[in-house]
Amino acid sequence: MKRMKQLIKEYQDIEIPEEIQTVIKDALHQKKKSKIKKVYIGVAAAAALFIASVNTSSTIAYAFSDVPVLGKVVNLITFREFKVEESTYKADYKFPEVTLENKELEDSLNEKYLKENEQSYQAFLSDMKEMKKNGDGHLGEESGYEIKTDTKQLLSIARYNVNTVGSSSTTMKFDTIDKENQILITLPSLFKNENYIKVISENIQEQMRAQMKEDPELTYWVSRSGEELVFDPFEKIAKEQNFYINKQGKLVISFDKYEVSPGAMGVVEFIIPTEVIQDQLVSNEYLK
């Protein structure tokens, strides 16, 4: 459990450059209409940099595959995949590479995606080496991505990292891109000030309690009258909490496995009613 929480913390500590926040705020206050080029998602060729680090007895497999077109302005392509395959050690890493008209944003995102996977990959190699030194064992890890939302205006990409052997852990990261304005939407950029943290947190606590009341099988680490918790209760979301905007234009807050509930519940999400956060929003450009 301690190792899993450490991995989750390391994964969440990857920061989004501050300059991106300013770009988004400006775009929300003064919406710019512009014709954009196609957006492509693929696996960065920089993955090849990792191959030299793989144990010589490992098998490196490359695969090229096309994924159906998601819309007139977005193509999704799995450009390259690499695997580490040994008898009891398996790793499969895929990560997106975006091509945007906004080259500053493109570079920031692709650097972030590369860094995420490099950290996971190097941690896997380190753990594999340690296990071999101590008499071998089983180790598996997988990372990849999926499209959560694809509308005329928005593209939400979910990136996951899963421990596939032994006591599993799952971490998620999301990016939502305004395709019309070529900007990355961050959680703070949607709101006037940081009051959204308190408002959203209180709504999530209410949803947790309501869900547990309706279904006794569900468990969240949230305070309830007359109940003593073993774990520290959920109190508030992070300023940069995992989120995406779904196709209905609703804010979805996501928590990793073990973050606010037992592992059996996996990754959990809460849809925040727009009317609850209406007074906090900069505008209704994205949230309906």
C-alpha atoms as a PDB file:
ATOM      1  CA  MET A   1       0.000   0.000   0.000  1.00  0.00           C
ATOM      2  CA  LYS A   2       2.865   2.367   0.878  1.00  0.00           C
ATOM      3  CA  ARG A   3       4.568   1.720  -2.488  1.00  0.00           C
ATOM      4  CA  MET A   4       1.307   2.288  -4.360  1.00  0.00           C
ATOM      5  CA  LYS A   5       0.639   5.633  -2.666  1.00  0.00           C
ATOM      6  CA  GLN A   6       4.219   6.677  -3.411  1.00  0.00           C
ATOM      7  CA  LEU A   7       3.758   5.870  -7.104  1.00  0.00           C
ATOM      8  CA  ILE A   8       0.467   7.774  -7.177  1.00  0.00           C
ATOM      9  CA  LYS A   9       2.088  10.808  -5.567  1.00  0.00           C
ATOM     10  CA  GLU A  10       5.036  10.765  -8.013  1.00  0.00           C
ATOM     11  CA  TYR A  11       2.626  10.487 -10.934  1.00  0.00           C
ATOM     12  CA  GLN A  12       0.503  13.398  -9.717  1.00  0.00           C
ATOM     13  CA  ASP A  13       3.522  15.627  -9.019  1.00  0.00           C
ATOM     14  CA  ILE A  14       4.189  16.204 -12.726  1.00  0.00           C
ATOM     15  CA  GLU A  15       3.415  19.898 -13.139  1.00  0.00           C
ATOM     16  CA  ILE A  16       1.742  21.807 -15.947  1.00  0.00           C
ATOM     17  CA  PRO A  17       3.800  24.903 -16.909  1.00  0.00           C
ATOM     18  CA  GLU A  18       2.405  28.080 -15.349  1.00  0.00           C
ATOM     19  CA  GLU A  19       2.517  29.975 -18.655  1.00  0.00           C
ATOM     20  CA  ILE A  20      -0.227  27.728 -20.013  1.00  0.00           C
ATOM     21  CA  GLN A  21      -2.615  29.008 -17.316  1.00  0.00           C
ATOM     22  CA  THR A  22      -2.263  32.576 -18.604  1.00  0.00           C
ATOM     23  CA  VAL A  23      -2.930  31.553 -22.192  1.00  0.00           C
ATOM     24  CA  ILE A  24      -6.144  29.802 -21.190  1.00  0.00           C
ATOM     25  CA  LYS A  25      -7.425  32.651 -19.030  1.00  0.00           C
ATOM     26  CA  ASP A  26      -6.879  35.105 -21.888  1.00  0.00           C
ATOM     27  CA  ALA A  27      -8.697  32.851 -24.311  1.00  0.00           C
ATOM     28  CA  LEU A  28     -11.714  32.493 -22.029  1.00  0.00           C
ATOM     29  CA  HIS A  29     -12.042  36.231 -21.517  1.00  0.00           C
ATOM     30  CA  GLN A  30     -11.482  37.046 -25.165  1.00  0.00           C
ATOM     31  CA  LYS A  31     -12.497  34.063 -27.293  1.00  0.00           C
ATOM     32  CA  LYS A  32     -10.501  33.802 -30.491  1.00  0.00           C
ATOM     33  CA  LYS A  33     -11.965  32.091 -33.556  1.00  0.00           C
ATOM     34  CA  SER A  34      -9.331  30.636 -35.819  1.00  0.00           C
ATOM     35  CA  LYS A  35      -9.027  27.924 -38.408  1.00  0.00           C
ATOM     36  CA  ILE A  36      -6.850  25.114 -37.079  1.00  0.00           C
ATOM     37  CA  LYS A  37      -4.841  22.329 -38.549  1.00  0.00           C
ATOM     38  CA  LYS A  38      -5.537  18.698 -37.825  1.00  0.00           C
ATOM     39  CA  VAL A  39      -4.590  17.315 -34.419  1.00  0.00           C
ATOM     40  CA  TYR A  40      -2.750  14.033 -34.446  1.00  0.00           C
ATOM     41  CA  ILE A  41      -2.239  11.672 -31.548  1.00  0.00           C
ATOM     42  CA  GLY A  42       0.527   9.104 -31.746  1.00  0.00           C
ATOM     43  CA  VAL A  43       3.245   7.415 -29.738  1.00  0.00           C
ATOM     44  CA  ALA A  44       6.372   9.491 -29.518  1.00  0.00           C
ATOM     45  CA  ALA A  45       9.378   8.199 -31.407  1.00  0.00           C
ATOM     46  CA  ALA A  46      11.411   9.239 -28.368  1.00  0.00           C
ATOM     47  CA  ALA A  47      10.427   5.887 -26.865  1.00  0.00           C
ATOM     48  CA  ALA A  48      13.396   4.542 -28.784  1.00  0.00           C
ATOM     49  CA  LEU A  49      15.628   6.312 -26.259  1.00  0.00           C
ATOM     50  CA  PHE A  50      14.462   3.835 -23.636  1.00  0.00           C
ATOM     51  CA  ILE A  51      15.248   0.696 -25.596  1.00  0.00           C
ATOM     52  CA  ALA A  52      18.961   0.754 -24.885  1.00  0.00           C
ATOM     53  CA  SER A  53      18.173   0.511 -21.171  1.00  0.00           C
ATOM     54  CA  VAL A  54      16.225  -2.733 -21.478  1.00  0.00           C
ATOM     55  CA  ASN A  55      17.935  -5.897 -20.279  1.00  0.00           C
ATOM     56  CA  THR A  56      19.575  -7.686 -23.224  1.00  0.00           C
ATOM     57  CA  SER A  57      17.473 -10.813 -22.653  1.00  0.00           C
ATOM     58  CA  SER A  58      14.281  -8.812 -23.121  1.00  0.00           C
ATOM     59  CA  THR A  59      12.294  -8.859 -26.341  1.00  0.00           C
ATOM     60  CA  ILE A  60      11.481  -5.487 -27.859  1.00  0.00           C
ATOM     61  CA  ALA A  61       8.466  -5.575 -30.132  1.00  0.00           C
ATOM     62  CA  TYR A  62       7.369  -2.733 -32.369  1.00  0.00           C
ATOM     63  CA  ALA A  63       3.876  -2.557 -33.779  1.00  0.00           C
ATOM     64  CA  PHE A  64       2.236  -0.047 -36.068  1.00  0.00           C
ATOM     65  CA  SER A  65      -1.542   0.291 -36.206  1.00  0.00           C
ATOM     66  CA  ASP A  66      -4.137   2.793 -37.377  1.00  0.00           C
ATOM     67  CA  VAL A  67      -7.148   3.709 -35.294  1.00  0.00           C
ATOM     68  CA  PRO A  68     -10.367   4.918 -36.979  1.00  0.00           C
ATOM     69  CA  VAL A  69     -10.733   8.654 -37.534  1.00  0.00           C
ATOM     70  CA  LEU A  70     -12.552  10.326 -34.632  1.00  0.00           C
ATOM     71  CA  GLY A  71     -13.773  13.359 -36.528  1.00  0.00           C
ATOM     72  CA  LYS A  72     -13.030  15.820 -39.278  1.00  0.00           C
ATOM     73  CA  VAL A  73     -10.342  17.656 -37.309  1.00  0.00           C
ATOM     74  CA  VAL A  74      -8.872  14.875 -35.165  1.00  0.00           C
ATOM     75  CA  ASN A  75      -7.072  11.669 -36.125  1.00  0.00           C
ATOM     76  CA  LEU A  76      -5.958   9.106 -33.540  1.00  0.00           C
ATOM     77  CA  ILE A  77      -2.978   6.969 -34.531  1.00  0.00           C
ATOM     78  CA  THR A  78      -0.976   4.478 -32.484  1.00  0.00           C
ATOM     79  CA  PHE A  79       2.311   5.202 -34.172  1.00  0.00           C
ATOM     80  CA  ARG A  80       4.643   2.959 -32.212  1.00  0.00           C
ATOM     81  CA  GLU A  81       4.484   0.481 -29.348  1.00  0.00           C
ATOM     82  CA  PHE A  82       7.343  -1.113 -27.453  1.00  0.00           C
ATOM     83  CA  LYS A  83       7.260  -3.998 -25.024  1.00  0.00           C
ATOM     84  CA  VAL A  84       9.546  -5.670 -22.515  1.00  0.00           C
ATOM     85  CA  GLU A  85       8.830  -9.394 -22.377  1.00  0.00           C
ATOM     86  CA  GLU A  86      10.591 -11.857 -20.144  1.00  0.00           C
ATOM     87  CA  SER A  87       9.246 -14.955 -18.441  1.00  0.00           C
ATOM     88  CA  THR A  88       7.978 -13.124 -15.359  1.00  0.00           C
ATOM     89  CA  TYR A  89       8.562  -9.482 -16.317  1.00  0.00           C
ATOM     90  CA  LYS A  90       6.260  -7.733 -18.768  1.00  0.00           C
ATOM     91  CA  ALA A  91       5.863  -4.071 -19.623  1.00  0.00           C
ATOM     92  CA  ASP A  92       3.852  -2.377 -22.360  1.00  0.00           C
ATOM     93  CA  TYR A  93       4.108   1.383 -22.788  1.00  0.00           C
ATOM     94  CA  LYS A  94       2.167   3.600 -25.151  1.00  0.00           C
ATOM     95  CA  PHE A  95       1.930   7.362 -24.855  1.00  0.00           C
ATOM     96  CA  PRO A  96       0.404  10.077 -27.030  1.00  0.00           C
ATOM     97  CA  GLU A  97       2.235  12.675 -29.028  1.00  0.00           C
ATOM     98  CA  VAL A  98       0.192  15.652 -30.174  1.00  0.00           C
ATOM     99  CA  THR A  99       0.799  17.835 -33.209  1.00  0.00           C
ATOM    100  CA  LEU A 100      -0.814  21.250 -32.832  1.00  0.00           C
ATOM    101  CA  GLU A 101      -0.797  24.605 -34.559  1.00  0.00           C
ATOM    102  CA  ASN A 102       0.182  26.036 -31.179  1.00  0.00           C
ATOM    103  CA  LYS A 103       3.765  24.758 -31.066  1.00  0.00           C
ATOM    104  CA  GLU A 104       4.430  26.005 -27.542  1.00  0.00           C
ATOM    105  CA  LEU A 105       1.532  23.952 -26.222  1.00  0.00           C
ATOM    106  CA  GLU A 106       2.533  21.007 -28.421  1.00  0.00           C
ATOM    107  CA  ASP A 107       6.057  20.979 -26.958  1.00  0.00           C
ATOM    108  CA  SER A 108       4.781  21.319 -23.369  1.00  0.00           C
ATOM    109  CA  LEU A 109       2.345  18.429 -23.702  1.00  0.00           C
ATOM    110  CA  ASN A 110       4.735  16.084 -25.483  1.00  0.00           C
ATOM    111  CA  GLU A 111       7.492  16.791 -22.953  1.00  0.00           C
ATOM    112  CA  LYS A 112       5.043  15.982 -20.165  1.00  0.00           C
ATOM    113  CA  TYR A 113       3.935  12.718 -21.819  1.00  0.00           C
ATOM    114  CA  LEU A 114       7.540  11.677 -22.347  1.00  0.00           C
ATOM    115  CA  LYS A 115       8.462  12.472 -18.746  1.00  0.00           C
ATOM    116  CA  GLU A 116       5.521  10.500 -17.340  1.00  0.00           C
ATOM    117  CA  ASN A 117       6.455   7.374 -19.252  1.00  0.00           C
ATOM    118  CA  GLU A 118      10.167   7.742 -18.632  1.00  0.00           C
ATOM    119  CA  GLN A 119       9.509   7.836 -14.873  1.00  0.00           C
ATOM    120  CA  SER A 120       7.281   4.754 -15.027  1.00  0.00           C
ATOM    121  CA  TYR A 121       9.687   2.910 -17.298  1.00  0.00           C
ATOM    122  CA  GLN A 122      12.776   3.630 -15.206  1.00  0.00           C
ATOM    123  CA  ALA A 123      10.906   2.606 -12.027  1.00  0.00           C
ATOM    124  CA  PHE A 124       9.954  -0.680 -13.708  1.00  0.00           C
ATOM    125  CA  LEU A 125      13.567  -1.401 -14.699  1.00  0.00           C
ATOM    126  CA  SER A 126      14.778  -0.581 -11.199  1.00  0.00           C
ATOM    127  CA  ASP A 127      12.204  -2.871  -9.572  1.00  0.00           C
ATOM    128  CA  MET A 128      12.971  -5.640 -12.071  1.00  0.00           C
ATOM    129  CA  LYS A 129      16.702  -5.402 -11.328  1.00  0.00           C
ATOM    130  CA  GLU A 130      16.053  -5.523  -7.575  1.00  0.00           C
ATOM    131  CA  MET A 131      13.780  -8.553  -7.904  1.00  0.00           C
ATOM    132  CA  LYS A 132      16.344 -10.432  -9.982  1.00  0.00           C
ATOM    133  CA  LYS A 133      19.028  -9.683  -7.413  1.00  0.00           C
ATOM    134  CA  ASN A 134      16.807 -11.095  -4.667  1.00  0.00           C
ATOM    135  CA  GLY A 135      15.867 -14.311  -6.441  1.00  0.00           C
ATOM    136  CA  ASP A 136      13.361 -13.206  -9.097  1.00  0.00           C
ATOM    137  CA  GLY A 137       9.614 -12.592  -8.945  1.00  0.00           C
ATOM    138  CA  HIS A 138       6.715 -11.344 -11.054  1.00  0.00           C
ATOM    139  CA  LEU A 139       6.326  -7.796 -12.309  1.00  0.00           C
ATOM    140  CA  GLY A 140       4.052  -6.221 -14.900  1.00  0.00           C
ATOM    141  CA  GLU A 141       3.064  -2.726 -15.947  1.00  0.00           C
ATOM    142  CA  GLU A 142       1.013  -1.160 -18.702  1.00  0.00           C
ATOM    143  CA  SER A 143       0.406   2.416 -19.758  1.00  0.00           C
ATOM    144  CA  GLY A 144      -1.775   3.754 -22.514  1.00  0.00           C
ATOM    145  CA  TYR A 145      -4.435   6.263 -23.378  1.00  0.00           C
ATOM    146  CA  GLU A 146      -8.058   6.549 -24.451  1.00  0.00           C
ATOM    147  CA  ILE A 147     -10.388   9.257 -25.700  1.00  0.00           C
ATOM    148  CA  LYS A 148     -12.966  10.335 -23.123  1.00  0.00           C
ATOM    149  CA  THR A 149     -14.569  13.146 -25.137  1.00  0.00           C
ATOM    150  CA  ASP A 150     -14.437  14.115 -28.783  1.00  0.00           C
ATOM    151  CA  THR A 151     -16.763  16.941 -29.788  1.00  0.00           C
ATOM    152  CA  LYS A 152     -16.483  19.755 -32.307  1.00  0.00           C
ATOM    153  CA  GLN A 153     -14.857  21.926 -29.640  1.00  0.00           C
ATOM    154  CA  LEU A 154     -13.248  19.579 -27.110  1.00  0.00           C
ATOM    155  CA  LEU A 155     -10.901  16.608 -27.018  1.00  0.00           C
ATOM    156  CA  SER A 156     -10.353  14.908 -23.637  1.00  0.00           C
ATOM    157  CA  ILE A 157      -7.532  12.378 -23.466  1.00  0.00           C
ATOM    158  CA  ALA A 158      -7.181   9.967 -20.532  1.00  0.00           C
ATOM    159  CA  ARG A 159      -3.773   8.455 -19.843  1.00  0.00           C
ATOM    160  CA  TYR A 160      -3.501   5.455 -17.528  1.00  0.00           C
ATOM    161  CA  ASN A 161      -0.739   3.527 -15.808  1.00  0.00           C
ATOM    162  CA  VAL A 162      -1.578   0.109 -14.379  1.00  0.00           C
ATOM    163  CA  ASN A 163       0.415  -2.348 -12.310  1.00  0.00           C
ATOM    164  CA  THR A 164      -0.726  -5.618 -13.883  1.00  0.00           C
ATOM    165  CA  VAL A 165       0.908  -8.184 -11.577  1.00  0.00           C
ATOM    166  CA  GLY A 166       0.490  -8.737  -7.852  1.00  0.00           C
ATOM    167  CA  SER A 167      -1.161  -6.005  -5.816  1.00  0.00           C
ATOM    168  CA  SER A 168      -2.401  -3.786  -8.633  1.00  0.00           C
ATOM    169  CA  SER A 169      -2.468  -0.006  -8.638  1.00  0.00           C
ATOM    170  CA  THR A 170      -3.913   2.392 -11.185  1.00  0.00           C
ATOM    171  CA  THR A 171      -3.162   6.039 -11.831  1.00  0.00           C
ATOM    172  CA  MET A 172      -4.939   8.304 -14.300  1.00  0.00           C
ATOM    173  CA  LYS A 173      -4.122  11.659 -15.878  1.00  0.00           C
ATOM    174  CA  PHE A 174      -6.316  13.734 -18.174  1.00  0.00           C
ATOM    175  CA  ASP A 175      -5.879  16.512 -20.691  1.00  0.00           C
ATOM    176  CA  THR A 176      -8.748  18.450 -22.251  1.00  0.00           C
ATOM    177  CA  ILE A 177      -7.892  20.490 -25.334  1.00  0.00           C
ATOM    178  CA  ASP A 178      -9.963  23.263 -26.874  1.00  0.00           C
ATOM    179  CA  LYS A 179      -9.616  22.291 -30.538  1.00  0.00           C
ATOM    180  CA  GLU A 180     -10.964  25.587 -31.839  1.00  0.00           C
ATOM    181  CA  ASN A 181      -8.534  27.783 -29.908  1.00  0.00           C
ATOM    182  CA  GLN A 182      -5.690  25.255 -29.610  1.00  0.00           C
ATOM    183  CA  ILE A 183      -5.335  25.602 -25.849  1.00  0.00           C
ATOM    184  CA  LEU A 184      -5.112  23.205 -22.941  1.00  0.00           C
ATOM    185  CA  ILE A 185      -7.895  23.642 -20.394  1.00  0.00           C
ATOM    186  CA  THR A 186      -6.741  23.300 -16.794  1.00  0.00           C
ATOM    187  CA  LEU A 187      -9.002  23.098 -13.758  1.00  0.00           C
ATOM    188  CA  PRO A 188      -8.005  26.502 -12.273  1.00  0.00           C
ATOM    189  CA  SER A 189      -8.515  28.163 -15.667  1.00  0.00           C
ATOM    190  CA  LEU A 190     -12.244  27.393 -15.530  1.00  0.00           C
ATOM    191  CA  PHE A 191     -12.831  29.409 -12.355  1.00  0.00           C
ATOM    192  CA  LYS A 192     -12.606  32.997 -11.134  1.00  0.00           C
ATOM    193  CA  ASN A 193     -10.593  32.109  -8.036  1.00  0.00           C
ATOM    194  CA  GLU A 194      -9.716  29.173  -5.783  1.00  0.00           C
ATOM    195  CA  ASN A 195     -13.138  29.072  -4.084  1.00  0.00           C
ATOM    196  CA  TYR A 196     -14.000  26.261  -6.508  1.00  0.00           C
ATOM    197  CA  ILE A 197     -11.901  23.893  -4.374  1.00  0.00           C
ATOM    198  CA  LYS A 198     -14.242  24.240  -1.400  1.00  0.00           C
ATOM    199  CA  VAL A 199     -17.450  24.197  -3.468  1.00  0.00           C
ATOM    200  CA  ILE A 200     -16.510  21.113  -5.479  1.00  0.00           C
ATOM    201  CA  SER A 201     -15.132  19.284  -2.427  1.00  0.00           C
ATOM    202  CA  GLU A 202     -18.340  19.793  -0.469  1.00  0.00           C
ATOM    203  CA  ASN A 203     -20.422  18.538  -3.396  1.00  0.00           C
ATOM    204  CA  ILE A 204     -18.261  15.414  -3.718  1.00  0.00           C
ATOM    205  CA  GLN A 205     -18.628  14.726   0.005  1.00  0.00           C
ATOM    206  CA  GLU A 206     -22.407  14.987  -0.389  1.00  0.00           C
ATOM    207  CA  GLN A 207     -22.329  12.601  -3.350  1.00  0.00           C
ATOM    208  CA  MET A 208     -20.183  10.121  -1.421  1.00  0.00           C
ATOM    209  CA  ARG A 209     -22.563  10.059   1.540  1.00  0.00           C
ATOM    210  CA  ALA A 210     -25.615   9.782  -0.710  1.00  0.00           C
ATOM    211  CA  GLN A 211     -24.109   6.895  -2.674  1.00  0.00           C
ATOM    212  CA  MET A 212     -23.179   4.974   0.486  1.00  0.00           C
ATOM    213  CA  LYS A 213     -26.652   5.506   1.921  1.00  0.00           C
ATOM    214  CA  GLU A 214     -28.206   4.131  -1.243  1.00  0.00           C
ATOM    215  CA  ASP A 215     -25.759   1.240  -1.630  1.00  0.00           C
ATOM    216  CA  PRO A 216     -24.196  -0.221   1.576  1.00  0.00           C
ATOM    217  CA  GLU A 217     -21.641  -2.046  -0.570  1.00  0.00           C
ATOM    218  CA  LEU A 218     -19.968   1.233  -1.497  1.00  0.00           C
ATOM    219  CA  THR A 219     -17.291   2.730   0.734  1.00  0.00           C
ATOM    220  CA  TYR A 220     -15.690   6.158   0.608  1.00  0.00           C
ATOM    221  CA  TRP A 221     -13.322   7.647   3.127  1.00  0.00           C
ATOM    222  CA  VAL A 222     -15.573  10.522   4.113  1.00  0.00           C
ATOM    223  CA  SER A 223     -16.754  11.569   7.555  1.00  0.00           C
ATOM    224  CA  ARG A 224     -20.282  10.621   8.596  1.00  0.00           C
ATOM    225  CA  SER A 225     -22.125  11.331  11.812  1.00  0.00           C
ATOM    226  CA  GLY A 226     -21.502   8.673  14.453  1.00  0.00           C
ATOM    227  CA  GLU A 227     -18.920   6.797  12.391  1.00  0.00           C
ATOM    228  CA  GLU A 228     -15.221   6.455  13.162  1.00  0.00           C
ATOM    229  CA  LEU A 229     -12.874   6.135  10.182  1.00  0.00           C
ATOM    230  CA  VAL A 230      -9.723   4.033  10.035  1.00  0.00           C
ATOM    231  CA  PHE A 231      -8.322   6.152   7.201  1.00  0.00           C
ATOM    232  CA  ASP A 232      -8.040   9.927   7.016  1.00  0.00           C
ATOM    233  CA  PRO A 233     -11.294  11.262   5.520  1.00  0.00           C
ATOM    234  CA  PHE A 234     -11.432  13.029   2.186  1.00  0.00           C
ATOM    235  CA  GLU A 235     -11.543  16.760   2.851  1.00  0.00           C
ATOM    236  CA  LYS A 236     -10.812  18.599  -0.367  1.00  0.00           C
ATOM    237  CA  ILE A 237      -9.666  18.182  -3.940  1.00  0.00           C
ATOM    238  CA  ALA A 238      -6.250  19.345  -5.090  1.00  0.00           C
ATOM    239  CA  LYS A 239      -5.939  22.622  -6.963  1.00  0.00           C
ATOM    240  CA  GLU A 240      -4.972  20.624 -10.056  1.00  0.00           C
ATOM    241  CA  GLN A 241      -7.199  17.627  -9.311  1.00  0.00           C
ATOM    242  CA  ASN A 242      -7.643  15.073 -12.096  1.00  0.00           C
ATOM    243  CA  PHE A 243     -10.604  16.106 -14.261  1.00  0.00           C
ATOM    244  CA  TYR A 244     -12.071  16.083 -17.731  1.00  0.00           C
ATOM    245  CA  ILE A 245     -15.113  17.541 -19.444  1.00  0.00           C
ATOM    246  CA  ASN A 246     -17.520  14.931 -20.770  1.00  0.00           C
ATOM    247  CA  LYS A 247     -19.468  15.117 -24.021  1.00  0.00           C
ATOM    248  CA  GLN A 248     -22.477  16.559 -22.180  1.00  0.00           C
ATOM    249  CA  GLY A 249     -20.346  19.529 -21.105  1.00  0.00           C
ATOM    250  CA  LYS A 250     -20.154  18.472 -17.453  1.00  0.00           C
ATOM    251  CA  LEU A 251     -17.121  18.641 -15.192  1.00  0.00           C
ATOM    252  CA  VAL A 252     -15.948  15.186 -14.094  1.00  0.00           C
ATOM    253  CA  ILE A 253     -13.582  14.905 -11.127  1.00  0.00           C
ATOM    254  CA  SER A 254     -11.509  11.720 -10.978  1.00  0.00           C
ATOM    255  CA  PHE A 255      -9.687  10.014  -8.103  1.00  0.00           C
ATOM    256  CA  ASP A 256      -7.080   7.291  -8.472  1.00  0.00           C
ATOM    257  CA  LYS A 257      -7.413   3.874  -6.914  1.00  0.00           C
ATOM    258  CA  TYR A 258      -6.912   4.081  -3.115  1.00  0.00           C
ATOM    259  CA  GLU A 259      -7.109   7.888  -3.169  1.00  0.00           C
ATOM    260  CA  VAL A 260     -10.542   8.309  -1.547  1.00  0.00           C
ATOM    261  CA  SER A 261     -11.828   4.734  -1.268  1.00  0.00           C
ATOM    262  CA  PRO A 262     -10.691   1.111  -0.885  1.00  0.00           C
ATOM    263  CA  GLY A 263      -8.839  -0.469  -3.789  1.00  0.00           C
ATOM    264  CA  ALA A 264     -11.804  -2.670  -4.664  1.00  0.00           C
ATOM    265  CA  MET A 265     -13.632   0.412  -5.945  1.00  0.00           C
ATOM    266  CA  GLY A 266     -10.850   1.219  -8.404  1.00  0.00           C
ATOM    267  CA  VAL A 267     -10.724   4.639 -10.057  1.00  0.00           C
ATOM    268  CA  VAL A 268     -13.782   6.670  -9.035  1.00  0.00           C
ATOM    269  CA  GLU A 269     -15.363   9.681 -10.729  1.00  0.00           C
ATOM    270  CA  PHE A 270     -17.904  12.316  -9.729  1.00  0.00           C
ATOM    271  CA  ILE A 271     -19.913  14.433 -12.165  1.00  0.00           C
ATOM    272  CA  ILE A 272     -20.284  17.937 -10.740  1.00  0.00           C
ATOM    273  CA  PRO A 273     -23.640  19.603 -11.551  1.00  0.00           C
ATOM    274  CA  THR A 274     -22.929  22.862 -13.371  1.00  0.00           C
ATOM    275  CA  GLU A 275     -25.483  24.745 -11.276  1.00  0.00           C
ATOM    276  CA  VAL A 276     -23.423  23.929  -8.153  1.00  0.00           C
ATOM    277  CA  ILE A 277     -20.340  25.704  -9.528  1.00  0.00           C
ATOM    278  CA  GLN A 278     -22.057  28.306 -11.725  1.00  0.00           C
ATOM    279  CA  ASP A 279     -21.110  31.270  -9.527  1.00  0.00           C
ATOM    280  CA  GLN A 280     -17.461  30.179  -9.563  1.00  0.00           C
ATOM    281  CA  LEU A 281     -17.084  29.823 -13.338  1.00  0.00           C
ATOM    282  CA  VAL A 282     -15.247  32.312 -15.548  1.00  0.00           C
ATOM    283  CA  SER A 283     -17.826  31.535 -18.243  1.00  0.00           C
ATOM    284  CA  ASN A 284     -19.978  28.736 -19.642  1.00  0.00           C
ATOM    285  CA  GLU A 285     -17.742  28.352 -22.646  1.00  0.00           C
ATOM    286  CA  TYR A 286     -17.050  24.705 -21.809  1.00  0.00           C
ATOM    287  CA  LEU A 287     -19.382  23.718 -18.971  1.00  0.00           C
ATOM    288  CA  LYS A 288     -23.103  23.591 -19.705  1.00  0.00           C
END
